[in-house]
Protein backbone atom coordinates (compact mmCIF):
# COMPACT_ATOMS: atom_id res chain seq x y z
CA MET A 1 -17.84 -2.30 14.83
CA HIS A 2 -19.69 0.58 16.09
CA PRO A 3 -18.24 3.66 14.20
CA ILE A 4 -18.23 5.97 17.43
CA LEU A 5 -17.51 3.35 20.30
CA ALA A 6 -14.83 1.23 18.25
CA PHE A 7 -12.61 4.25 18.98
CA ARG A 8 -11.19 5.96 22.06
CA GLY A 9 -10.60 8.92 20.35
CA ARG A 10 -14.78 9.60 18.83
CA LEU A 11 -16.66 9.44 21.81
CA GLY A 12 -15.16 12.09 23.49
CA PRO A 13 -16.15 14.82 20.81
CA TYR A 14 -19.76 12.99 20.25
CA LEU A 15 -20.47 13.81 24.04
CA ALA A 16 -18.55 17.39 23.60
CA ALA A 17 -20.74 18.11 20.65
CA TRP A 18 -24.34 17.54 22.72
CA ILE A 19 -23.30 20.45 25.32
CA PRO A 20 -24.71 23.23 23.08
CA LEU A 21 -27.44 20.92 22.42
CA ALA A 22 -28.47 20.27 25.56
CA GLY A 23 -28.11 24.57 26.19
CA LEU A 24 -30.66 25.01 22.98
CA LEU A 25 -32.47 22.50 24.56
CA ALA A 26 -33.07 24.64 27.94
CA GLY A 27 -33.12 27.64 25.93
CA LEU A 28 -36.67 26.14 24.20
CA LEU A 29 -37.93 24.89 27.60
CA ARG A 30 -37.23 27.97 29.15
CA ILE A 31 -39.37 29.42 25.81
CA GLY A 32 -42.18 26.78 27.16
CA GLY A 33 -42.75 28.61 30.44
CA VAL A 34 -40.17 27.09 33.33
CA THR A 35 -37.82 29.05 34.70
CA TRP A 36 -33.84 28.73 33.98
CA LEU A 37 -33.02 26.26 37.22
CA HIS A 38 -36.11 23.88 36.07
CA ALA A 39 -35.20 24.00 32.71
CA ALA A 40 -31.04 23.62 32.97
CA VAL A 41 -32.15 20.71 35.79
CA LEU A 42 -34.36 19.07 32.86
CA ALA A 43 -32.24 19.34 29.72
CA VAL A 44 -28.85 18.17 30.80
CA PRO A 45 -29.53 14.92 32.28
CA LEU A 46 -31.70 14.49 29.50
CA ALA A 47 -29.39 15.62 26.54
CA VAL A 48 -27.25 13.38 28.12
CA VAL A 49 -28.90 10.40 28.32
CA TYR A 50 -30.77 11.32 24.74
CA ALA A 51 -27.12 11.54 23.16
CA PHE A 52 -26.12 7.61 24.60
CA MET A 53 -29.67 6.69 23.26
CA CYS A 54 -28.77 8.29 19.89
CA LEU A 55 -25.54 5.63 19.62
CA ALA A 56 -28.15 3.26 19.06
CA ALA A 57 -29.07 4.85 15.49
CA TRP A 58 -26.31 2.94 14.31
CA TYR A 59 -28.23 0.04 13.85
CA PRO A 60 -31.15 1.36 11.88
CA CYS A 61 -28.14 2.82 9.56
CA ARG A 62 -26.55 -0.66 9.14
CA SER A 63 -30.15 -2.34 8.15
CA ALA A 64 -30.72 0.36 5.76
CA PRO A 65 -27.48 1.42 4.25
CA LEU A 66 -27.49 4.44 1.98
CA ALA A 67 -25.95 2.53 -0.93
CA ASN A 68 -27.78 -0.34 -1.38
CA ALA A 69 -31.12 0.12 0.59
CA SER A 70 -34.07 2.01 -1.66
CA PHE A 71 -35.13 5.59 -0.37
CA ALA A 72 -38.36 4.65 0.84
CA ARG A 73 -36.62 1.69 2.98
CA VAL A 74 -34.20 4.20 4.53
CA VAL A 75 -37.17 7.51 4.99
CA GLY A 76 -39.38 4.20 6.51
CA THR A 77 -36.73 2.99 8.69
CA GLN A 78 -35.32 6.18 10.05
CA ALA A 79 -38.89 7.66 10.98
CA ALA A 80 -39.54 4.67 12.82
CA ALA A 81 -36.39 4.50 14.98
CA ALA A 82 -36.78 8.85 15.15
CA ALA A 83 -40.38 8.35 16.56
CA LEU A 84 -39.29 5.41 18.90
CA SER A 85 -36.55 7.32 20.32
CA ALA A 86 -38.10 10.31 20.79
CA LEU A 87 -40.76 8.30 22.34
CA LEU A 88 -38.42 6.67 24.74
CA TRP A 89 -36.78 9.78 25.42
CA LEU A 90 -40.57 11.70 26.55
CA PHE A 91 -41.33 8.70 29.00
CA LEU A 92 -38.08 9.43 30.43
CA ALA A 93 -38.22 12.94 30.76
CA ASP A 94 -41.68 12.54 32.25
CA THR A 95 -40.19 10.00 34.75
CA TRP A 96 -37.43 12.81 35.59
CA LEU A 97 -40.02 15.42 36.06
CA VAL A 98 -41.75 12.75 38.40
CA PHE A 99 -38.78 12.22 40.64
CA LEU A 100 -38.01 15.71 40.54
CA GLU A 101 -41.31 16.93 41.95
CA GLN A 102 -40.46 15.12 45.31
CA PHE A 103 -37.80 17.87 46.27
CA PRO A 104 -39.58 21.24 47.14
CA PRO A 105 -37.47 23.61 45.01
CA PHE A 106 -39.19 21.46 41.79
CA ALA A 107 -42.52 20.62 43.01
CA THR A 108 -44.29 22.50 40.51
CA ILE A 109 -42.13 21.34 37.66
CA GLY A 110 -44.49 19.03 36.44
CA GLU A 111 -47.54 21.19 36.12
CA HIS A 112 -45.66 22.33 32.67
CA PHE A 113 -45.16 19.26 31.54
CA PRO A 114 -48.09 19.40 28.64
CA ARG A 115 -46.91 22.35 27.31
CA LEU A 116 -43.49 20.64 26.90
CA VAL A 117 -44.84 17.17 25.22
CA ALA A 118 -44.67 19.10 21.65
CA VAL A 119 -41.30 20.68 22.55
CA LEU A 120 -39.74 17.44 23.64
CA LEU A 121 -40.96 15.24 20.92
CA ALA A 122 -39.95 17.75 18.15
CA VAL A 123 -36.67 17.90 19.94
CA GLY A 124 -36.15 14.53 20.05
CA VAL A 125 -36.88 13.97 16.54
CA VAL A 126 -34.58 16.26 15.28
CA LEU A 127 -32.05 15.21 16.95
CA TYR A 128 -31.95 11.55 16.24
CA VAL A 129 -32.54 12.74 12.53
CA LEU A 130 -28.81 14.23 13.19
CA ALA A 131 -27.27 11.58 14.95
CA ALA A 132 -28.38 9.51 12.02
CA ALA A 133 -27.03 11.70 9.79
CA LEU A 134 -23.81 11.34 11.73
CA HIS A 135 -23.67 8.09 11.39
CA TYR A 136 -24.26 7.66 7.89
CA LEU A 137 -21.28 9.82 7.67
CA LEU A 138 -18.70 7.63 9.67
CA ILE A 139 -20.31 4.56 8.14
CA GLY A 140 -19.64 5.90 4.44
CA PHE A 141 -16.27 7.37 6.02
CA GLU A 142 -15.51 4.01 7.57
CA ALA A 143 -16.37 1.99 4.14
CA GLU A 144 -14.30 4.53 2.43
CA ARG A 145 -11.42 3.83 4.66
CA ARG A 146 -11.61 -0.15 4.08
CA ALA A 147 -11.99 0.32 0.56
CA GLU A 148 -8.99 1.86 0.55
CA ARG A 149 -7.18 -0.57 2.78
CA THR A 150 -8.54 -3.56 0.45
CA ARG A 151 -7.46 -1.31 -2.55
CA LEU A 152 -3.77 -1.15 -1.50
CA GLU A 153 -3.61 -4.58 -0.58
CA LEU A 154 -4.98 -5.63 -4.05
CA GLU A 155 -2.00 -3.57 -5.08
CA VAL A 156 0.79 -5.00 -3.02
CA LEU A 157 -0.54 -8.27 -4.01
CA ALA A 158 -0.16 -7.22 -8.01
CA ARG A 159 3.27 -5.83 -7.67
CA GLU A 160 4.30 -9.10 -5.82
CA ALA A 161 2.92 -11.38 -7.98
CA GLU A 162 4.44 -9.05 -10.84
CA LEU A 163 7.70 -9.49 -9.21
CA ARG A 164 7.68 -13.08 -8.71
CA ALA A 165 6.57 -13.74 -12.44
CA LEU A 166 9.38 -11.43 -13.97
CA ARG A 167 11.60 -12.90 -11.40
CA ALA A 168 10.75 -16.09 -12.74
CA GLN A 169 11.63 -15.34 -16.38
CA ILE A 170 15.02 -15.24 -15.37
CA ASP A 171 15.93 -18.75 -14.78
CA PRO A 172 14.33 -19.96 -18.07
CA HIS A 173 16.15 -17.06 -19.92
CA PHE A 174 19.16 -18.02 -18.64
CA LEU A 175 19.42 -21.47 -18.70
CA PHE A 176 18.33 -20.60 -22.43
CA ASN A 177 21.45 -18.84 -22.82
CA ALA A 178 23.75 -21.40 -20.91
CA LEU A 179 22.55 -24.86 -22.48
CA ASN A 180 23.03 -22.83 -25.77
CA ALA A 181 26.52 -21.74 -25.30
CA ILE A 182 27.11 -25.72 -23.69
CA ASN A 183 26.06 -27.45 -26.95
CA SER A 184 27.82 -25.52 -29.06
CA LEU A 185 31.07 -26.66 -27.09
CA ILE A 186 29.97 -30.29 -26.84
CA ALA A 187 31.31 -30.94 -30.06
CA THR A 188 34.24 -28.82 -30.58
CA ASP A 189 35.64 -28.79 -27.07
CA PRO A 190 34.33 -31.41 -24.98
CA PRO A 191 36.49 -30.64 -21.52
CA ALA A 192 35.60 -27.00 -21.97
CA ALA A 193 31.68 -28.05 -21.74
CA ARG A 194 32.28 -30.40 -19.08
CA ALA A 195 33.78 -27.23 -17.14
CA MET A 196 31.14 -25.06 -18.25
CA CYS A 197 28.67 -27.55 -16.60
CA LEU A 198 30.55 -27.49 -13.18
CA GLU A 199 30.35 -23.49 -13.72
CA LEU A 200 27.19 -23.36 -14.23
CA GLY A 201 26.15 -25.93 -11.55
CA GLU A 202 27.94 -23.35 -8.52
CA PHE A 203 26.40 -20.26 -10.13
CA LEU A 204 22.79 -22.02 -9.66
CA ARG A 205 23.53 -22.80 -6.47
CA GLU A 206 24.99 -19.97 -5.68
CA SER A 207 21.75 -17.97 -7.11
CA LEU A 208 19.64 -20.24 -5.10
CA ARG A 209 21.56 -19.13 -1.86
CA VAL A 210 20.41 -15.51 -2.06
CA GLY A 211 17.38 -15.85 -4.72
CA GLY A 212 15.07 -16.03 -1.87
CA ALA A 213 15.97 -12.30 -1.03
CA ALA A 214 14.06 -9.61 -2.43
CA THR A 215 17.28 -7.57 -1.97
CA ILE A 216 20.73 -8.78 -1.78
CA SER A 217 24.04 -6.60 -1.52
CA LEU A 218 25.21 -4.69 -4.50
CA ALA A 219 28.32 -6.64 -3.88
CA ASP A 220 27.20 -9.96 -3.37
CA GLU A 221 25.28 -9.42 -6.98
CA VAL A 222 28.29 -8.17 -8.59
CA ARG A 223 29.93 -11.73 -7.36
CA LEU A 224 27.07 -13.53 -9.07
CA ALA A 225 27.73 -11.77 -12.20
CA GLU A 226 31.09 -12.25 -12.02
CA ARG A 227 30.42 -15.81 -11.49
CA TYR A 228 28.22 -15.80 -14.55
CA LEU A 229 31.07 -14.33 -16.38
CA GLY A 230 33.38 -16.89 -15.29
CA ILE A 231 31.13 -19.64 -16.82
CA GLU A 232 31.39 -17.66 -20.33
CA ARG A 233 34.86 -17.27 -19.81
CA VAL A 234 35.05 -20.94 -20.42
CA ARG A 235 34.01 -20.66 -23.92
CA PHE A 236 35.59 -16.96 -25.07
CA GLY A 237 38.94 -17.73 -23.18
CA THR A 238 41.05 -14.43 -23.05
CA ARG A 239 38.38 -12.63 -25.36
CA LEU A 240 36.18 -12.12 -22.59
CA ARG A 241 37.81 -10.08 -19.91
CA VAL A 242 35.45 -8.40 -16.76
CA GLU A 243 36.17 -4.85 -15.47
CA ARG A 244 34.58 -4.21 -11.83
CA ASP A 245 34.94 -0.24 -10.37
CA VAL A 246 32.06 -0.79 -7.64
CA ASP A 247 33.22 1.74 -4.80
CA ALA A 248 32.52 0.28 -1.14
CA ALA A 249 29.52 2.44 -0.62
CA ALA A 250 27.95 1.22 -3.16
CA GLY A 251 28.44 -2.03 -2.79
CA ALA A 252 26.86 -2.08 0.54
CA CYS A 253 23.44 -0.59 -0.93
CA ALA A 254 20.52 -3.17 -1.74
CA VAL A 255 19.66 -4.13 -5.56
CA PRO A 256 16.74 -6.65 -6.42
CA ALA A 257 18.47 -9.86 -6.79
CA LEU A 258 19.82 -10.93 -9.66
CA ILE A 259 19.12 -7.76 -11.53
CA LEU A 260 22.57 -7.83 -12.94
CA GLN A 261 21.99 -11.23 -14.67
CA PRO A 262 19.86 -10.18 -17.98
CA LEU A 263 22.75 -7.02 -18.54
CA VAL A 264 25.47 -8.87 -18.79
CA GLU A 265 24.28 -11.62 -20.44
CA ASN A 266 23.44 -9.60 -23.16
CA ALA A 267 26.74 -7.63 -23.11
CA VAL A 268 28.00 -11.03 -23.83
CA ARG A 269 25.81 -12.31 -26.71
CA HIS A 270 25.43 -9.00 -28.40
CA GLY A 271 28.49 -7.33 -27.53
CA VAL A 272 31.72 -9.51 -27.02
CA ALA A 273 30.27 -12.06 -29.20
CA ARG A 274 29.88 -10.69 -32.17
CA LEU A 275 33.65 -9.24 -31.84
CA VAL A 276 36.43 -11.12 -33.26
CA ASP A 277 39.17 -9.69 -30.06
CA GLY A 278 36.19 -9.85 -27.98
CA GLY A 279 35.97 -7.08 -25.23
CA ALA A 280 35.53 -6.07 -21.86
CA VAL A 281 32.51 -6.30 -19.64
CA ARG A 282 32.87 -3.14 -17.07
CA ILE A 283 30.31 -2.92 -14.30
CA VAL A 284 30.70 0.68 -12.19
CA ALA A 285 28.70 1.80 -9.58
CA ARG A 286 28.58 4.95 -7.42
CA CYS A 287 26.17 6.49 -4.92
CA ALA A 288 25.31 10.07 -5.20
CA GLY A 289 22.67 11.93 -3.86
CA GLY A 290 20.87 9.46 -2.04
CA ASN A 291 20.91 7.24 -5.30
CA LEU A 292 22.94 4.44 -6.33
CA HIS A 293 24.05 4.50 -10.40
CA LEU A 294 25.28 1.45 -11.77
CA THR A 295 26.65 0.63 -15.10
CA VAL A 296 27.26 -2.12 -17.27
CA GLU A 297 29.17 -1.36 -20.21
CA ASN A 298 30.16 -3.31 -23.24
CA PRO A 299 31.88 -3.30 -26.60
CA VAL A 300 29.61 -3.51 -29.72
CA CYS A 301 30.55 -3.88 -33.35
CA THR A 302 29.52 -0.66 -35.15
CA ALA A 303 30.28 -1.99 -38.59
CA ALA A 304 28.06 -4.75 -38.55
CA PRO A 305 24.23 -4.43 -39.48
CA GLU A 306 22.56 -4.53 -35.53
CA THR A 307 20.63 -7.64 -35.11
CA ARG A 308 18.14 -7.68 -32.38
CA GLY A 309 17.24 -10.93 -29.81
CA ILE A 310 13.62 -11.05 -28.06
CA GLY A 311 14.91 -8.34 -26.05
CA LEU A 312 13.39 -9.77 -22.93
CA GLY A 313 16.27 -9.49 -20.51
CA LEU A 314 16.35 -5.90 -20.72
CA ALA A 315 12.53 -5.51 -20.49
CA ASN A 316 12.46 -7.75 -17.49
CA VAL A 317 14.87 -5.18 -15.74
CA ARG A 318 12.86 -2.13 -16.85
CA LYS A 319 9.78 -3.69 -15.66
CA ARG A 320 11.51 -5.13 -12.12
CA LEU A 321 12.92 -1.48 -11.59
CA ALA A 322 9.57 0.06 -11.87
CA ALA A 323 7.70 -2.34 -9.89
CA THR A 324 9.85 -2.70 -7.38
CA TYR A 325 10.87 1.60 -7.12
CA GLY A 326 7.54 3.09 -9.49
CA PRO A 327 9.24 6.70 -10.34
CA HIS A 328 11.95 6.52 -8.04
CA GLY A 329 14.03 3.90 -10.21
CA SER A 330 15.31 4.51 -13.80
CA PHE A 331 16.67 2.39 -16.27
CA ALA A 332 18.24 3.42 -19.47
CA ALA A 333 20.35 1.55 -22.41
CA GLY A 334 21.81 2.21 -25.63
CA ALA A 335 24.91 2.13 -28.10
CA GLU A 336 26.87 5.60 -28.32
CA GLY A 337 30.58 5.16 -29.97
CA GLY A 338 31.21 1.68 -30.27
CA THR A 339 30.15 0.84 -26.39
CA PHE A 340 26.61 -0.35 -25.29
CA ARG A 341 25.57 1.18 -21.94
CA ALA A 342 23.09 -0.18 -19.83
CA SER A 343 22.16 2.46 -16.95
CA LEU A 344 19.97 1.82 -13.46
CA THR A 345 19.35 4.46 -10.87
CA LEU A 346 17.41 3.06 -7.72
CA PRO A 347 16.91 4.88 -3.85
CA ALA A 348 20.23 3.45 -1.97
CA SER A 349 19.45 1.62 0.89
CA SER A 350 20.44 -1.50 2.92
CA PRO A 351 19.32 -4.83 1.68
CA ASP A 352 16.91 -6.77 3.40
CA PRO A 353 17.80 -8.78 6.66
């Protein structure tokens, strides 16, 4: 697309820029010996016509781009186009003079034409070169815009691919832990293993229902987390307790689907499961300052040596927040005073419809 004609707001300023050029041409013609009236009548129509003729400079500029063509090719192409444009303009000027001579006030205007030939040719070449420079500038600007748009599109695609990959890690990681738990119950408590399988099926059905959305409400996310904890309660019984402290404003906020899943898994596997008396998994959420602050807490055994898993779950949460919210989302996790705390901060917004 032509960089000037393709945009409605560019043609007007382009033509307006030719007004002082028409005045300059009239001044040069006056120096050439014609009166101001003859100069104006000759210069203004020629400037208007040449303004539109110079729009054709886009085609030589495209055929000899500065980025790809050799210097000799650019100079040769533009020199030929400038000479052709100036000669055609000179022919139109001669035709216009012949037409003006039909009117008494301009009967003698043609007598000055031989002295004006050099002026018109020189001005025609210079104006074409300026028009070509403008077109090169606009072509470069449009190329930069396309490159920037392509870069942004690639960034979005890369981020979406990363998010899909991170979300795809959640199910295998969760199933790995759940199936291990079921396996441990099969020999010792078959009814509990069967009950856990049923709960697992319900959890997977519910996660599939909400998993298609990029974000869901925190209230739905907490219900999913509690369903998972219900599965684990089959195994741990009264050793596992669940506490929820989520205000209404926080519950309506959007969070990435299944963002709590790795956190509550970590709380059970590395916290409650290692305590003889078990403990409570506590979910706390508040809205403040335009952000949602979400915390998952669980007790840890301070006397036992620390044994860490592969850390996939917490790393997954950190990467998903970074990919989704950039610098506006943060994640921190650590143990202090017998309590392990995983804290998320993300912008408070409404979930996807």
